[in-house]
Amino acid sequence: MENRDKVRLLITDTDREHEIFTNVEIDTFLEIEGSVVKLAAALALETIANNETLTLKRITLLDLTTDGPAVAAELKKTAALWRAQGDEEFDIYTVVDDTTGTEEGE
């Protein structure tokens, strides 16, 4: 599975007939986030959340209620999860050479 498809899977953009983002947009998220799938997914969800906030306000009409800000808040929570997991890929570890006792990079 390509990184683009992994991003789509994480953001549930898997309906090929009605994609939320174009391939170019998904590739751009990947490029911006250094090809880290979970960070690109987080950026995509943050983009969707921002769109929800801008276009869907909290509206009640008869018995129907839409709550764009609540949807956006949930998307941002998921984005934060992906962002935290994506950042874990960049944890720095110190490697010590057992034979010399020196750290890598010295």
N, C-alpha and C. Protein backbone atom coordinates (compact mmCIF):
# COMPACT_ATOMS: atom_id res chain seq x y z
N MET A 1 0.85 -1.17 0.00
CA MET A 1 0.00 0.00 0.00
C MET A 1 0.90 1.24 0.00
N GLU A 2 0.60 2.17 -0.84
CA GLU A 2 1.38 3.41 -0.93
C GLU A 2 1.05 4.33 0.23
N ASN A 3 1.97 5.24 0.56
CA ASN A 3 1.75 6.19 1.64
C ASN A 3 0.48 7.00 1.44
N ARG A 4 0.20 7.38 0.20
CA ARG A 4 -1.00 8.14 -0.10
C ARG A 4 -2.25 7.36 0.34
N ASP A 5 -2.27 6.06 0.07
CA ASP A 5 -3.41 5.23 0.44
C ASP A 5 -3.49 5.05 1.95
N LYS A 6 -2.35 5.01 2.62
CA LYS A 6 -2.34 4.91 4.08
C LYS A 6 -2.93 6.17 4.70
N VAL A 7 -2.58 7.32 4.16
CA VAL A 7 -3.16 8.58 4.65
C VAL A 7 -4.67 8.54 4.45
N ARG A 8 -5.10 8.15 3.27
CA ARG A 8 -6.54 8.07 2.99
C ARG A 8 -7.25 7.14 3.98
N LEU A 9 -6.62 6.01 4.29
CA LEU A 9 -7.22 5.06 5.22
C LEU A 9 -7.37 5.68 6.60
N LEU A 10 -6.35 6.36 7.08
CA LEU A 10 -6.40 6.97 8.41
C LEU A 10 -7.43 8.08 8.53
N ILE A 11 -7.70 8.78 7.43
CA ILE A 11 -8.67 9.88 7.48
C ILE A 11 -10.03 9.46 6.92
N THR A 12 -10.19 8.18 6.65
CA THR A 12 -11.41 7.59 6.08
C THR A 12 -11.84 8.24 4.77
N ASP A 13 -10.88 8.55 3.93
CA ASP A 13 -11.13 9.10 2.59
C ASP A 13 -10.92 7.96 1.58
N THR A 14 -11.75 6.92 1.69
CA THR A 14 -11.53 5.71 0.89
C THR A 14 -12.58 5.48 -0.18
N ASP A 15 -13.56 6.36 -0.29
CA ASP A 15 -14.58 6.22 -1.33
C ASP A 15 -14.06 6.87 -2.61
N ARG A 16 -13.58 6.04 -3.54
CA ARG A 16 -12.94 6.55 -4.76
C ARG A 16 -13.89 7.40 -5.62
N GLU A 17 -15.18 7.20 -5.45
CA GLU A 17 -16.17 7.98 -6.22
C GLU A 17 -16.34 9.40 -5.65
N HIS A 18 -16.06 9.56 -4.37
CA HIS A 18 -16.28 10.85 -3.70
C HIS A 18 -15.11 11.18 -2.76
N GLU A 19 -13.92 11.27 -3.31
CA GLU A 19 -12.74 11.56 -2.50
C GLU A 19 -12.81 12.97 -1.92
N ILE A 20 -12.37 13.09 -0.69
CA ILE A 20 -12.32 14.40 -0.04
C ILE A 20 -11.15 15.21 -0.61
N PHE A 21 -10.01 14.55 -0.78
CA PHE A 21 -8.81 15.20 -1.29
C PHE A 21 -8.35 14.55 -2.58
N THR A 22 -7.74 15.33 -3.45
CA THR A 22 -7.15 14.79 -4.67
C THR A 22 -5.82 14.11 -4.30
N ASN A 23 -5.29 13.32 -5.21
CA ASN A 23 -3.98 12.70 -4.98
C ASN A 23 -2.90 13.75 -4.79
N VAL A 24 -2.99 14.83 -5.54
CA VAL A 24 -2.00 15.91 -5.43
C VAL A 24 -2.06 16.52 -4.03
N GLU A 25 -3.26 16.70 -3.49
CA GLU A 25 -3.38 17.27 -2.14
C GLU A 25 -2.81 16.32 -1.09
N ILE A 26 -3.12 15.03 -1.21
CA ILE A 26 -2.57 14.05 -0.26
C ILE A 26 -1.05 14.02 -0.36
N ASP A 27 -0.53 14.02 -1.59
CA ASP A 27 0.93 14.04 -1.79
C ASP A 27 1.55 15.30 -1.19
N THR A 28 0.84 16.41 -1.25
CA THR A 28 1.33 17.66 -0.68
C THR A 28 1.38 17.57 0.85
N PHE A 29 0.34 16.97 1.45
CA PHE A 29 0.38 16.77 2.90
C PHE A 29 1.59 15.92 3.28
N LEU A 30 1.84 14.87 2.52
CA LEU A 30 3.00 14.02 2.77
C LEU A 30 4.30 14.80 2.63
N GLU A 31 4.38 15.63 1.60
CA GLU A 31 5.59 16.43 1.37
C GLU A 31 5.81 17.41 2.52
N ILE A 32 4.75 18.09 2.94
CA ILE A 32 4.85 19.07 4.03
C ILE A 32 5.31 18.40 5.32
N GLU A 33 4.82 17.18 5.54
CA GLU A 33 5.10 16.48 6.81
C GLU A 33 6.24 15.47 6.68
N GLY A 34 7.12 15.66 5.70
CA GLY A 34 8.33 14.85 5.60
C GLY A 34 8.06 13.38 5.31
N SER A 35 6.99 13.08 4.59
CA SER A 35 6.61 11.71 4.22
C SER A 35 6.22 10.83 5.41
N VAL A 36 5.93 11.44 6.55
CA VAL A 36 5.46 10.68 7.71
C VAL A 36 3.94 10.56 7.59
N VAL A 37 3.47 9.34 7.40
CA VAL A 37 2.05 9.08 7.09
C VAL A 37 1.13 9.66 8.16
N LYS A 38 1.41 9.39 9.43
CA LYS A 38 0.50 9.84 10.48
C LYS A 38 0.50 11.36 10.62
N LEU A 39 1.63 12.00 10.37
CA LEU A 39 1.65 13.46 10.40
C LEU A 39 0.87 14.04 9.21
N ALA A 40 0.99 13.41 8.06
CA ALA A 40 0.22 13.85 6.89
C ALA A 40 -1.28 13.65 7.13
N ALA A 41 -1.65 12.55 7.76
CA ALA A 41 -3.05 12.30 8.09
C ALA A 41 -3.56 13.34 9.08
N ALA A 42 -2.72 13.69 10.05
CA ALA A 42 -3.10 14.72 11.01
C ALA A 42 -3.35 16.05 10.31
N LEU A 43 -2.47 16.41 9.39
CA LEU A 43 -2.64 17.66 8.65
C LEU A 43 -3.91 17.63 7.81
N ALA A 44 -4.19 16.50 7.20
CA ALA A 44 -5.42 16.37 6.40
C ALA A 44 -6.66 16.53 7.28
N LEU A 45 -6.67 15.88 8.46
CA LEU A 45 -7.81 16.01 9.37
C LEU A 45 -7.94 17.44 9.89
N GLU A 46 -6.82 18.09 10.16
CA GLU A 46 -6.87 19.49 10.60
C GLU A 46 -7.46 20.37 9.50
N THR A 47 -7.13 20.07 8.27
CA THR A 47 -7.68 20.82 7.14
C THR A 47 -9.19 20.62 7.04
N ILE A 48 -9.63 19.37 7.18
CA ILE A 48 -11.07 19.08 7.16
C ILE A 48 -11.75 19.81 8.31
N ALA A 49 -11.16 19.75 9.50
CA ALA A 49 -11.73 20.41 10.68
C ALA A 49 -11.88 21.91 10.46
N ASN A 50 -10.86 22.52 9.88
CA ASN A 50 -10.93 23.96 9.60
C ASN A 50 -12.04 24.27 8.62
N ASN A 51 -12.21 23.42 7.62
CA ASN A 51 -13.30 23.61 6.66
C ASN A 51 -14.65 23.47 7.34
N GLU A 52 -14.78 22.48 8.23
CA GLU A 52 -16.03 22.29 8.97
C GLU A 52 -16.36 23.53 9.79
N THR A 53 -15.36 24.07 10.45
CA THR A 53 -15.57 25.25 11.28
C THR A 53 -16.00 26.44 10.44
N LEU A 54 -15.40 26.59 9.26
CA LEU A 54 -15.73 27.72 8.40
C LEU A 54 -17.09 27.60 7.74
N THR A 55 -17.47 26.39 7.36
CA THR A 55 -18.68 26.24 6.55
C THR A 55 -19.91 25.78 7.33
N LEU A 56 -19.72 24.97 8.36
CA LEU A 56 -20.87 24.45 9.10
C LEU A 56 -20.89 25.05 10.50
N LYS A 57 -21.83 25.88 10.72
CA LYS A 57 -21.99 26.43 12.06
C LYS A 57 -23.00 25.55 12.79
N ARG A 58 -23.25 25.83 14.04
CA ARG A 58 -24.27 25.08 14.78
C ARG A 58 -25.62 25.63 14.35
N ILE A 59 -26.40 24.77 13.72
CA ILE A 59 -27.70 25.18 13.17
C ILE A 59 -28.77 24.21 13.65
N THR A 60 -29.89 24.75 14.10
CA THR A 60 -31.04 23.92 14.43
C THR A 60 -32.22 24.41 13.60
N LEU A 61 -32.83 23.49 12.88
CA LEU A 61 -33.96 23.80 12.04
C LEU A 61 -34.98 22.69 12.23
N LEU A 62 -36.12 23.03 12.81
CA LEU A 62 -37.13 22.04 13.19
C LEU A 62 -36.49 21.02 14.12
N ASP A 63 -36.46 19.76 13.75
CA ASP A 63 -35.88 18.71 14.60
C ASP A 63 -34.48 18.32 14.16
N LEU A 64 -33.89 19.04 13.24
CA LEU A 64 -32.57 18.72 12.71
C LEU A 64 -31.54 19.70 13.25
N THR A 65 -30.44 19.15 13.77
CA THR A 65 -29.35 19.99 14.27
C THR A 65 -28.05 19.57 13.60
N THR A 66 -27.29 20.54 13.13
CA THR A 66 -25.94 20.28 12.65
C THR A 66 -24.99 21.04 13.57
N ASP A 67 -23.86 20.45 13.84
CA ASP A 67 -22.92 21.07 14.77
C ASP A 67 -21.50 20.97 14.22
N GLY A 68 -21.18 21.85 13.28
CA GLY A 68 -19.87 21.87 12.65
C GLY A 68 -18.73 22.01 13.64
N PRO A 69 -18.83 22.92 14.61
CA PRO A 69 -17.74 23.05 15.58
C PRO A 69 -17.49 21.76 16.38
N ALA A 70 -18.54 21.02 16.71
CA ALA A 70 -18.35 19.75 17.45
C ALA A 70 -17.65 18.72 16.56
N VAL A 71 -18.05 18.67 15.30
CA VAL A 71 -17.39 17.75 14.36
C VAL A 71 -15.92 18.13 14.22
N ALA A 72 -15.67 19.42 14.08
CA ALA A 72 -14.29 19.90 13.95
C ALA A 72 -13.46 19.54 15.18
N ALA A 73 -14.06 19.68 16.37
CA ALA A 73 -13.33 19.35 17.61
C ALA A 73 -12.95 17.88 17.64
N GLU A 74 -13.84 17.00 17.22
CA GLU A 74 -13.54 15.57 17.20
C GLU A 74 -12.44 15.25 16.18
N LEU A 75 -12.50 15.89 15.03
CA LEU A 75 -11.47 15.69 14.01
C LEU A 75 -10.11 16.15 14.53
N LYS A 76 -10.10 17.26 15.25
CA LYS A 76 -8.85 17.77 15.80
C LYS A 76 -8.28 16.85 16.87
N LYS A 77 -9.15 16.18 17.64
CA LYS A 77 -8.67 15.21 18.63
C LYS A 77 -7.97 14.04 17.94
N THR A 78 -8.59 13.55 16.87
CA THR A 78 -7.97 12.45 16.12
C THR A 78 -6.67 12.91 15.48
N ALA A 79 -6.67 14.12 14.95
CA ALA A 79 -5.45 14.67 14.35
C ALA A 79 -4.33 14.75 15.40
N ALA A 80 -4.67 15.15 16.61
CA ALA A 80 -3.67 15.23 17.68
C ALA A 80 -3.09 13.86 17.98
N LEU A 81 -3.92 12.83 17.95
CA LEU A 81 -3.45 11.46 18.17
C LEU A 81 -2.46 11.05 17.08
N TRP A 82 -2.83 11.27 15.82
CA TRP A 82 -1.93 10.92 14.71
C TRP A 82 -0.65 11.72 14.80
N ARG A 83 -0.76 13.00 15.15
CA ARG A 83 0.43 13.85 15.23
C ARG A 83 1.37 13.35 16.33
N ALA A 84 0.82 12.97 17.47
CA ALA A 84 1.64 12.45 18.57
C ALA A 84 2.33 11.15 18.16
N GLN A 85 1.61 10.27 17.49
CA GLN A 85 2.20 9.01 17.06
C GLN A 85 3.22 9.23 15.96
N GLY A 86 2.97 10.17 15.08
CA GLY A 86 3.91 10.48 14.01
C GLY A 86 5.19 11.08 14.55
N ASP A 87 5.07 11.91 15.59
CA ASP A 87 6.25 12.51 16.21
C ASP A 87 7.12 11.47 16.88
N GLU A 88 6.53 10.36 17.32
CA GLU A 88 7.30 9.30 17.96
C GLU A 88 8.34 8.71 17.01
N GLU A 89 8.08 8.79 15.72
CA GLU A 89 9.02 8.26 14.74
C GLU A 89 10.34 9.01 14.76
N PHE A 90 10.35 10.20 15.36
CA PHE A 90 11.54 11.03 15.36
C PHE A 90 12.23 11.08 16.72
N ASP A 91 11.85 10.17 17.64
CA ASP A 91 12.54 10.11 18.92
C ASP A 91 14.03 9.90 18.68
N ILE A 92 14.85 10.56 19.47
CA ILE A 92 16.30 10.46 19.31
C ILE A 92 16.84 9.48 20.34
N TYR A 93 17.63 8.57 19.87
CA TYR A 93 18.25 7.58 20.73
C TYR A 93 19.76 7.76 20.68
N THR A 94 20.40 7.54 21.80
CA THR A 94 21.86 7.58 21.86
C THR A 94 22.38 6.16 21.72
N VAL A 95 23.31 5.98 20.80
CA VAL A 95 23.93 4.67 20.59
C VAL A 95 25.34 4.72 21.15
N VAL A 96 25.62 3.80 22.06
CA VAL A 96 26.95 3.76 22.67
C VAL A 96 27.68 2.54 22.14
N ASP A 97 28.90 2.75 21.66
CA ASP A 97 29.75 1.66 21.18
C ASP A 97 30.33 0.96 22.41
N ASP A 98 29.92 -0.29 22.62
CA ASP A 98 30.35 -1.04 23.81
C ASP A 98 31.86 -1.24 23.86
N THR A 99 32.51 -1.23 22.71
CA THR A 99 33.95 -1.50 22.70
C THR A 99 34.77 -0.28 23.10
N THR A 100 34.25 0.91 22.80
CA THR A 100 35.03 2.12 23.11
C THR A 100 34.37 2.99 24.17
N GLY A 101 33.07 2.79 24.38
CA GLY A 101 32.34 3.61 25.34
C GLY A 101 31.98 4.98 24.82
N THR A 102 32.20 5.22 23.52
CA THR A 102 31.90 6.53 22.95
C THR A 102 30.50 6.53 22.37
N GLU A 103 29.89 7.69 22.41
CA GLU A 103 28.57 7.84 21.81
C GLU A 103 28.71 8.12 20.33
N GLU A 104 27.70 7.66 19.56
CA GLU A 104 27.70 7.91 18.12
C GLU A 104 27.68 9.40 17.89
N GLY A 105 28.48 9.86 16.99
CA GLY A 105 28.54 11.28 16.66
C GLY A 105 29.69 12.01 17.33
N GLU A 106 30.38 11.35 18.25
CA GLU A 106 31.52 12.00 18.90
C GLU A 106 32.73 11.97 17.99
